[in-house]
Amino acid sequence: MNDEILKELQYNGAMLEEIRDQNKALLEGQKDQATRADVGRLEQRLDALESNVKVIKAAVKATNRDVADVSREVEKHKGLPAHVAHGHA
């Protein structure tokens, strides 16, 4: 083989390696970008979930207060004759 052809082949091989390295770097960058977008979507979903949990907690607290009120009323009327407990004297 001619020295000039060999040098050309070596140059082409080096260029192909450079292109491969650049492609790898580009693909990694795209993966990172996709990952950041996924994280952003997950953060939005977590924010919405956190908001929903706050609403549920408030509803549970209100329900617990209502149950406690009803329990106190029931305790007040225990042992009373039925017609008195129901407000009929």
PDB file of N, CA and C in Angstrom:
ATOM      1  N   MET A   1       0.832  -1.176   0.000  1.00  0.00           N
ATOM      2  CA  MET A   1       0.000   0.000   0.000  1.00  0.00           C
ATOM      3  C   MET A   1       0.878   1.241   0.000  1.00  0.00           C
ATOM      4  N   ASN A   2       0.449   2.178  -0.635  1.00  0.00           N
ATOM      5  CA  ASN A   2       1.122   3.462  -0.792  1.00  0.00           C
ATOM      6  C   ASN A   2       1.049   4.226   0.528  1.00  0.00           C
ATOM      7  N   ASP A   3       2.097   4.924   0.930  1.00  0.00           N
ATOM      8  CA  ASP A   3       2.140   5.691   2.188  1.00  0.00           C
ATOM      9  C   ASP A   3       1.049   6.756   2.238  1.00  0.00           C
ATOM     10  N   GLU A   4       0.791   7.352   1.109  1.00  0.00           N
ATOM     11  CA  GLU A   4      -0.238   8.397   1.052  1.00  0.00           C
ATOM     12  C   GLU A   4      -1.623   7.811   1.340  1.00  0.00           C
ATOM     13  N   ILE A   5      -1.902   6.662   0.789  1.00  0.00           N
ATOM     14  CA  ILE A   5      -3.197   6.003   1.023  1.00  0.00           C
ATOM     15  C   ILE A   5      -3.293   5.586   2.488  1.00  0.00           C
ATOM     16  N   LEU A   6      -2.237   5.068   3.048  1.00  0.00           N
ATOM     17  CA  LEU A   6      -2.225   4.653   4.449  1.00  0.00           C
ATOM     18  C   LEU A   6      -2.485   5.857   5.369  1.00  0.00           C
ATOM     19  N   LYS A   7      -1.820   6.980   5.091  1.00  0.00           N
ATOM     20  CA  LYS A   7      -2.048   8.198   5.881  1.00  0.00           C
ATOM     21  C   LYS A   7      -3.494   8.656   5.760  1.00  0.00           C
ATOM     22  N   GLU A   8      -4.047   8.566   4.563  1.00  0.00           N
ATOM     23  CA  GLU A   8      -5.446   8.961   4.339  1.00  0.00           C
ATOM     24  C   GLU A   8      -6.385   8.056   5.136  1.00  0.00           C
ATOM     25  N   LEU A   9      -6.113   6.771   5.137  1.00  0.00           N
ATOM     26  CA  LEU A   9      -6.943   5.825   5.905  1.00  0.00           C
ATOM     27  C   LEU A   9      -6.833   6.107   7.403  1.00  0.00           C
ATOM     28  N   GLN A  10      -5.640   6.398   7.892  1.00  0.00           N
ATOM     29  CA  GLN A  10      -5.458   6.717   9.309  1.00  0.00           C
ATOM     30  C   GLN A  10      -6.209   8.002   9.682  1.00  0.00           C
ATOM     31  N   TYR A  11      -6.121   8.980   8.780  1.00  0.00           N
ATOM     32  CA  TYR A  11      -6.836  10.240   9.002  1.00  0.00           C
ATOM     33  C   TYR A  11      -8.342   9.988   9.053  1.00  0.00           C
ATOM     34  N   ASN A  12      -8.835   9.214   8.087  1.00  0.00           N
ATOM     35  CA  ASN A  12     -10.270   8.907   8.059  1.00  0.00           C
ATOM     36  C   ASN A  12     -10.692   8.152   9.323  1.00  0.00           C
ATOM     37  N   GLY A  13      -9.858   7.236   9.778  1.00  0.00           N
ATOM     38  CA  GLY A  13     -10.153   6.493  11.010  1.00  0.00           C
ATOM     39  C   GLY A  13     -10.221   7.429  12.201  1.00  0.00           C
ATOM     40  N   ALA A  14      -9.281   8.359  12.276  1.00  0.00           N
ATOM     41  CA  ALA A  14      -9.279   9.328  13.376  1.00  0.00           C
ATOM     42  C   ALA A  14     -10.519  10.214  13.308  1.00  0.00           C
ATOM     43  N   MET A  15     -10.907  10.618  12.112  1.00  0.00           N
ATOM     44  CA  MET A  15     -12.100  11.448  11.949  1.00  0.00           C
ATOM     45  C   MET A  15     -13.359  10.683  12.371  1.00  0.00           C
ATOM     46  N   LEU A  16     -13.422   9.404  11.990  1.00  0.00           N
ATOM     47  CA  LEU A  16     -14.574   8.588  12.394  1.00  0.00           C
ATOM     48  C   LEU A  16     -14.649   8.462  13.917  1.00  0.00           C
ATOM     49  N   GLU A  17     -13.517   8.297  14.587  1.00  0.00           N
ATOM     50  CA  GLU A  17     -13.500   8.238  16.047  1.00  0.00           C
ATOM     51  C   GLU A  17     -14.002   9.548  16.638  1.00  0.00           C
ATOM     52  N   GLU A  18     -13.552  10.649  16.069  1.00  0.00           N
ATOM     53  CA  GLU A  18     -13.995  11.970  16.536  1.00  0.00           C
ATOM     54  C   GLU A  18     -15.511  12.114  16.385  1.00  0.00           C
ATOM     55  N   ILE A  19     -16.027  11.688  15.244  1.00  0.00           N
ATOM     56  CA  ILE A  19     -17.477  11.770  14.997  1.00  0.00           C
ATOM     57  C   ILE A  19     -18.232  10.884  15.976  1.00  0.00           C
ATOM     58  N   ARG A  20     -17.704   9.689  16.225  1.00  0.00           N
ATOM     59  CA  ARG A  20     -18.352   8.788  17.193  1.00  0.00           C
ATOM     60  C   ARG A  20     -18.394   9.432  18.579  1.00  0.00           C
ATOM     61  N   ASP A  21     -17.275  10.023  18.987  1.00  0.00           N
ATOM     62  CA  ASP A  21     -17.229  10.678  20.298  1.00  0.00           C
ATOM     63  C   ASP A  21     -18.230  11.829  20.382  1.00  0.00           C
ATOM     64  N   GLN A  22     -18.330  12.610  19.313  1.00  0.00           N
ATOM     65  CA  GLN A  22     -19.280  13.721  19.290  1.00  0.00           C
ATOM     66  C   GLN A  22     -20.715  13.204  19.350  1.00  0.00           C
ATOM     67  N   ASN A  23     -20.985  12.126  18.626  1.00  0.00           N
ATOM     68  CA  ASN A  23     -22.335  11.545  18.654  1.00  0.00           C
ATOM     69  C   ASN A  23     -22.686  11.041  20.048  1.00  0.00           C
ATOM     70  N   LYS A  24     -21.716  10.402  20.723  1.00  0.00           N
ATOM     71  CA  LYS A  24     -21.957   9.935  22.095  1.00  0.00           C
ATOM     72  C   LYS A  24     -22.292  11.107  23.009  1.00  0.00           C
ATOM     73  N   ALA A  25     -21.506  12.175  22.884  1.00  0.00           N
ATOM     74  CA  ALA A  25     -21.741  13.358  23.717  1.00  0.00           C
ATOM     75  C   ALA A  25     -23.114  13.962  23.425  1.00  0.00           C
ATOM     76  N   LEU A  26     -23.475  14.005  22.178  1.00  0.00           N
ATOM     77  CA  LEU A  26     -24.779  14.546  21.786  1.00  0.00           C
ATOM     78  C   LEU A  26     -25.911  13.699  22.355  1.00  0.00           C
ATOM     79  N   LEU A  27     -25.787  12.381  22.246  1.00  0.00           N
ATOM     80  CA  LEU A  27     -26.825  11.492  22.780  1.00  0.00           C
ATOM     81  C   LEU A  27     -26.936  11.618  24.294  1.00  0.00           C
ATOM     82  N   GLU A  28     -25.816  11.743  24.983  1.00  0.00           N
ATOM     83  CA  GLU A  28     -25.854  11.924  26.435  1.00  0.00           C
ATOM     84  C   GLU A  28     -26.560  13.223  26.795  1.00  0.00           C
ATOM     85  N   GLY A  29     -26.284  14.270  26.030  1.00  0.00           N
ATOM     86  CA  GLY A  29     -26.953  15.555  26.271  1.00  0.00           C
ATOM     87  C   GLY A  29     -28.452  15.453  26.074  1.00  0.00           C
ATOM     88  N   GLN A  30     -28.864  14.706  25.060  1.00  0.00           N
ATOM     89  CA  GLN A  30     -30.296  14.528  24.816  1.00  0.00           C
ATOM     90  C   GLN A  30     -30.932  13.732  25.943  1.00  0.00           C
ATOM     91  N   LYS A  31     -30.228  12.716  26.435  1.00  0.00           N
ATOM     92  CA  LYS A  31     -30.753  11.930  27.561  1.00  0.00           C
ATOM     93  C   LYS A  31     -30.927  12.813  28.782  1.00  0.00           C
ATOM     94  N   ASP A  32     -29.908  13.664  29.056  1.00  0.00           N
ATOM     95  CA  ASP A  32     -29.992  14.568  30.203  1.00  0.00           C
ATOM     96  C   ASP A  32     -31.162  15.529  30.060  1.00  0.00           C
ATOM     97  N   GLN A  33     -31.366  16.035  28.855  1.00  0.00           N
ATOM     98  CA  GLN A  33     -32.457  16.966  28.612  1.00  0.00           C
ATOM     99  C   GLN A  33     -33.799  16.277  28.828  1.00  0.00           C
ATOM    100  N   ALA A  34     -33.933  15.042  28.336  1.00  0.00           N
ATOM    101  CA  ALA A  34     -35.173  14.284  28.526  1.00  0.00           C
ATOM    102  C   ALA A  34     -35.387  14.006  30.007  1.00  0.00           C
ATOM    103  N   THR A  35     -34.310  13.697  30.707  1.00  0.00           N
ATOM    104  CA  THR A  35     -34.411  13.423  32.138  1.00  0.00           C
ATOM    105  C   THR A  35     -34.867  14.675  32.890  1.00  0.00           C
ATOM    106  N   ARG A  36     -34.326  15.835  32.528  1.00  0.00           N
ATOM    107  CA  ARG A  36     -34.747  17.078  33.183  1.00  0.00           C
ATOM    108  C   ARG A  36     -36.237  17.348  32.931  1.00  0.00           C
ATOM    109  N   ALA A  37     -36.694  17.065  31.712  1.00  0.00           N
ATOM    110  CA  ALA A  37     -38.113  17.271  31.398  1.00  0.00           C
ATOM    111  C   ALA A  37     -38.976  16.310  32.220  1.00  0.00           C
ATOM    112  N   ASP A  38     -38.518  15.061  32.347  1.00  0.00           N
ATOM    113  CA  ASP A  38     -39.255  14.085  33.159  1.00  0.00           C
ATOM    114  C   ASP A  38     -39.323  14.526  34.615  1.00  0.00           C
ATOM    115  N   VAL A  39     -38.214  15.038  35.128  1.00  0.00           N
ATOM    116  CA  VAL A  39     -38.175  15.509  36.517  1.00  0.00           C
ATOM    117  C   VAL A  39     -39.143  16.677  36.688  1.00  0.00           C
ATOM    118  N   GLY A  40     -39.175  17.572  35.705  1.00  0.00           N
ATOM    119  CA  GLY A  40     -40.101  18.705  35.773  1.00  0.00           C
ATOM    120  C   GLY A  40     -41.551  18.246  35.827  1.00  0.00           C
ATOM    121  N   ARG A  41     -41.885  17.271  34.997  1.00  0.00           N
ATOM    122  CA  ARG A  41     -43.264  16.743  35.016  1.00  0.00           C
ATOM    123  C   ARG A  41     -43.570  16.064  36.342  1.00  0.00           C
ATOM    124  N   LEU A  42     -42.609  15.326  36.880  1.00  0.00           N
ATOM    125  CA  LEU A  42     -42.817  14.676  38.177  1.00  0.00           C
ATOM    126  C   LEU A  42     -42.996  15.702  39.287  1.00  0.00           C
ATOM    127  N   GLU A  43     -42.234  16.786  39.228  1.00  0.00           N
ATOM    128  CA  GLU A  43     -42.384  17.837  40.241  1.00  0.00           C
ATOM    129  C   GLU A  43     -43.771  18.453  40.179  1.00  0.00           C
ATOM    130  N   GLN A  44     -44.292  18.660  38.970  1.00  0.00           N
ATOM    131  CA  GLN A  44     -45.647  19.203  38.828  1.00  0.00           C
ATOM    132  C   GLN A  44     -46.673  18.244  39.412  1.00  0.00           C
ATOM    133  N   ARG A  45     -46.507  16.968  39.133  1.00  0.00           N
ATOM    134  CA  ARG A  45     -47.447  15.972  39.656  1.00  0.00           C
ATOM    135  C   ARG A  45     -47.363  15.907  41.179  1.00  0.00           C
ATOM    136  N   LEU A  46     -46.146  16.006  41.725  1.00  0.00           N
ATOM    137  CA  LEU A  46     -45.994  15.995  43.175  1.00  0.00           C
ATOM    138  C   LEU A  46     -46.635  17.222  43.814  1.00  0.00           C
ATOM    139  N   ASP A  47     -46.494  18.367  43.176  1.00  0.00           N
ATOM    140  CA  ASP A  47     -47.138  19.584  43.688  1.00  0.00           C
ATOM    141  C   ASP A  47     -48.654  19.413  43.729  1.00  0.00           C
ATOM    142  N   ALA A  48     -49.210  18.857  42.659  1.00  0.00           N
ATOM    143  CA  ALA A  48     -50.662  18.630  42.615  1.00  0.00           C
ATOM    144  C   ALA A  48     -51.075  17.626  43.687  1.00  0.00           C
ATOM    145  N   LEU A  49     -50.274  16.595  43.861  1.00  0.00           N
ATOM    146  CA  LEU A  49     -50.571  15.583  44.870  1.00  0.00           C
ATOM    147  C   LEU A  49     -50.518  16.180  46.273  1.00  0.00           C
ATOM    148  N   GLU A  50     -49.524  17.018  46.508  1.00  0.00           N
ATOM    149  CA  GLU A  50     -49.400  17.682  47.807  1.00  0.00           C
ATOM    150  C   GLU A  50     -50.629  18.545  48.086  1.00  0.00           C
ATOM    151  N   SER A  51     -51.084  19.243  47.078  1.00  0.00           N
ATOM    152  CA  SER A  51     -52.275  20.078  47.216  1.00  0.00           C
ATOM    153  C   SER A  51     -53.495  19.210  47.535  1.00  0.00           C
ATOM    154  N   ASN A  52     -53.630  18.097  46.838  1.00  0.00           N
ATOM    155  CA  ASN A  52     -54.759  17.189  47.084  1.00  0.00           C
ATOM    156  C   ASN A  52     -54.709  16.619  48.498  1.00  0.00           C
ATOM    157  N   VAL A  53     -53.525  16.285  48.973  1.00  0.00           N
ATOM    158  CA  VAL A  53     -53.387  15.744  50.330  1.00  0.00           C
ATOM    159  C   VAL A  53     -53.815  16.791  51.358  1.00  0.00           C
ATOM    160  N   LYS A  54     -53.473  18.055  51.128  1.00  0.00           N
ATOM    161  CA  LYS A  54     -53.892  19.116  52.053  1.00  0.00           C
ATOM    162  C   LYS A  54     -55.410  19.215  52.119  1.00  0.00           C
ATOM    163  N   VAL A  55     -56.063  19.105  50.965  1.00  0.00           N
ATOM    164  CA  VAL A  55     -57.527  19.160  50.927  1.00  0.00           C
ATOM    165  C   VAL A  55     -58.109  17.965  51.677  1.00  0.00           C
ATOM    166  N   ILE A  56     -57.535  16.794  51.455  1.00  0.00           N
ATOM    167  CA  ILE A  56     -58.025  15.579  52.122  1.00  0.00           C
ATOM    168  C   ILE A  56     -57.835  15.696  53.632  1.00  0.00           C
ATOM    169  N   LYS A  57     -56.679  16.202  54.067  1.00  0.00           N
ATOM    170  CA  LYS A  57     -56.438  16.373  55.508  1.00  0.00           C
ATOM    171  C   LYS A  57     -57.473  17.299  56.129  1.00  0.00           C
ATOM    172  N   ALA A  58     -57.769  18.388  55.439  1.00  0.00           N
ATOM    173  CA  ALA A  58     -58.757  19.341  55.955  1.00  0.00           C
ATOM    174  C   ALA A  58     -60.123  18.672  56.056  1.00  0.00           C
ATOM    175  N   ALA A  59     -60.475  17.890  55.059  1.00  0.00           N
ATOM    176  CA  ALA A  59     -61.771  17.204  55.079  1.00  0.00           C
ATOM    177  C   ALA A  59     -61.831  16.179  56.209  1.00  0.00           C
ATOM    178  N   VAL A  60     -60.744  15.462  56.431  1.00  0.00           N
ATOM    179  CA  VAL A  60     -60.710  14.470  57.518  1.00  0.00           C
ATOM    180  C   VAL A  60     -60.835  15.163  58.875  1.00  0.00           C
ATOM    181  N   LYS A  61     -60.128  16.292  59.033  1.00  0.00           N
ATOM    182  CA  LYS A  61     -60.228  17.033  60.300  1.00  0.00           C
ATOM    183  C   LYS A  61     -61.656  17.500  60.539  1.00  0.00           C
ATOM    184  N   ALA A  62     -62.300  18.015  59.498  1.00  0.00           N
ATOM    185  CA  ALA A  62     -63.689  18.478  59.637  1.00  0.00           C
ATOM    186  C   ALA A  62     -64.609  17.306  59.984  1.00  0.00           C
ATOM    187  N   THR A  63     -64.391  16.184  59.337  1.00  0.00           N
ATOM    188  CA  THR A  63     -65.205  14.997  59.622  1.00  0.00           C
ATOM    189  C   THR A  63     -64.985  14.529  61.047  1.00  0.00           C
ATOM    190  N   ASN A  64     -63.733  14.543  61.501  1.00  0.00           N
ATOM    191  CA  ASN A  64     -63.439  14.143  62.881  1.00  0.00           C
ATOM    192  C   ASN A  64     -64.133  15.064  63.886  1.00  0.00           C
ATOM    193  N   ARG A  65     -64.152  16.381  63.585  1.00  0.00           N
ATOM    194  CA  ARG A  65     -64.866  17.317  64.474  1.00  0.00           C
ATOM    195  C   ARG A  65     -66.361  16.989  64.497  1.00  0.00           C
ATOM    196  N   ASP A  66     -66.922  16.718  63.317  1.00  0.00           N
ATOM    197  CA  ASP A  66     -68.344  16.380  63.241  1.00  0.00           C
ATOM    198  C   ASP A  66     -68.656  15.108  64.028  1.00  0.00           C
ATOM    199  N   VAL A  67     -67.806  14.110  63.878  1.00  0.00           N
ATOM    200  CA  VAL A  67     -68.008  12.846  64.609  1.00  0.00           C
ATOM    201  C   VAL A  67     -67.915  13.092  66.109  1.00  0.00           C
ATOM    202  N   ALA A  68     -66.953  13.908  66.525  1.00  0.00           N
ATOM    203  CA  ALA A  68     -66.823  14.214  67.954  1.00  0.00           C
ATOM    204  C   ALA A  68     -68.072  14.935  68.459  1.00  0.00           C
ATOM    205  N   ASP A  69     -68.605  15.880  67.672  1.00  0.00           N
ATOM    206  CA  ASP A  69     -69.832  16.587  68.065  1.00  0.00           C
ATOM    207  C   ASP A  69     -70.994  15.616  68.201  1.00  0.00           C
ATOM    208  N   VAL A  70     -71.149  14.746  67.249  1.00  0.00           N
ATOM    209  CA  VAL A  70     -72.252  13.770  67.284  1.00  0.00           C
ATOM    210  C   VAL A  70     -72.062  12.829  68.472  1.00  0.00           C
ATOM    211  N   SER A  71     -70.833  12.424  68.728  1.00  0.00           N
ATOM    212  CA  SER A  71     -70.572  11.532  69.868  1.00  0.00           C
ATOM    213  C   SER A  71     -70.941  12.204  71.182  1.00  0.00           C
ATOM    214  N   ARG A  72     -70.612  13.503  71.298  1.00  0.00           N
ATOM    215  CA  ARG A  72     -70.986  14.221  72.522  1.00  0.00           C
ATOM    216  C   ARG A  72     -72.508  14.288  72.664  1.00  0.00           C
ATOM    217  N   GLU A  73     -73.194  14.530  71.580  1.00  0.00           N
ATOM    218  CA  GLU A  73     -74.668  14.584  71.625  1.00  0.00           C
ATOM    219  C   GLU A  73     -75.247  13.233  72.018  1.00  0.00           C
ATOM    220  N   VAL A  74     -74.683  12.173  71.473  1.00  0.00           N
ATOM    221  CA  VAL A  74     -75.165  10.828  71.811  1.00  0.00           C
ATOM    222  C   VAL A  74     -74.944  10.557  73.298  1.00  0.00           C
ATOM    223  N   GLU A  75     -73.766  10.941  73.796  1.00  0.00           N
ATOM    224  CA  GLU A  75     -73.472  10.721  75.211  1.00  0.00           C
ATOM    225  C   GLU A  75     -74.435  11.497  76.106  1.00  0.00           C
ATOM    226  N   LYS A  76     -74.815  12.717  75.692  1.00  0.00           N
ATOM    227  CA  LYS A  76     -75.758  13.513  76.472  1.00  0.00           C
ATOM    228  C   LYS A  76     -77.105  12.815  76.593  1.00  0.00           C
ATOM    229  N   HIS A  77     -77.489  12.114  75.535  1.00  0.00           N
ATOM    230  CA  HIS A  77     -78.820  11.507  75.499  1.00  0.00           C
ATOM    231  C   HIS A  77     -78.858  10.064  75.980  1.00  0.00           C
ATOM    232  N   LYS A  78     -77.732   9.488  76.268  1.00  0.00           N
ATOM    233  CA  LYS A  78     -77.719   8.108  76.779  1.00  0.00           C
ATOM    234  C   LYS A  78     -78.419   8.070  78.135  1.00  0.00           C
ATOM    235  N   GLY A  79     -79.192   7.088  78.322  1.00  0.00           N
ATOM    236  CA  GLY A  79     -79.855   6.910  79.604  1.00  0.00           C
ATOM    237  C   GLY A  79     -81.135   7.704  79.756  1.00  0.00           C
ATOM    238  N   LEU A  80     -81.411   8.621  78.814  1.00  0.00           N
ATOM    239  CA  LEU A  80     -82.665   9.371  78.880  1.00  0.00           C
ATOM    240  C   LEU A  80     -83.769   8.536  78.243  1.00  0.00           C
ATOM    241  N   PRO A  81     -84.963   8.686  78.694  1.00  0.00           N
ATOM    242  CA  PRO A  81     -86.078   7.990  78.023  1.00  0.00           C
ATOM    243  C   PRO A  81     -86.166   8.480  76.576  1.00  0.00           C
ATOM    244  N   ALA A  82     -86.611   7.646  75.701  1.00  0.00           N
ATOM    245  CA  ALA A  82     -86.631   7.934  74.267  1.00  0.00           C
ATOM    246  C   ALA A  82     -87.392   9.217  73.960  1.00  0.00           C
ATOM    247  N   HIS A  83     -88.565   9.424  74.617  1.00  0.00           N
ATOM    248  CA  HIS A  83     -89.349  10.615  74.287  1.00  0.00           C
ATOM    249  C   HIS A  83     -88.647  11.894  74.748  1.00  0.00           C
ATOM    250  N   VAL A  84     -87.801  11.846  75.764  1.00  0.00           N
ATOM    251  CA  VAL A  84     -87.043  13.011  76.216  1.00  0.00           C
ATOM    252  C   VAL A  84     -85.834  13.233  75.312  1.00  0.00           C
ATOM    253  N   ALA A  85     -85.153  12.148  74.946  1.00  0.00           N
ATOM    254  CA  ALA A  85     -83.956  12.224  74.102  1.00  0.00           C
ATOM    255  C   ALA A  85     -84.279  12.849  72.751  1.00  0.00           C
ATOM    256  N   HIS A  86     -85.478  12.629  72.257  1.00  0.00           N
ATOM    257  CA  HIS A  86     -85.871  13.131  70.943  1.00  0.00           C
ATOM    258  C   HIS A  86     -86.567  14.491  71.032  1.00  0.00           C
ATOM    259  N   GLY A  87     -86.599  15.075  72.201  1.00  0.00           N
ATOM    260  CA  GLY A  87     -87.162  16.406  72.333  1.00  0.00           C
ATOM    261  C   GLY A  87     -88.648  16.438  72.550  1.00  0.00           C
ATOM    262  N   HIS A  88     -89.263  15.324  72.868  1.00  0.00           N
ATOM    263  CA  HIS A  88     -90.696  15.282  73.150  1.00  0.00           C
ATOM    264  C   HIS A  88     -90.888  15.085  74.658  1.00  0.00           C
ATOM    265  N   ALA A  89     -91.363  16.050  75.323  1.00  0.00           N
ATOM    266  CA  ALA A  89     -91.497  15.959  76.767  1.00  0.00           C
ATOM    267  C   ALA A  89     -92.783  15.395  77.228  1.00  0.00           C
TER     268      ALA A  89
END
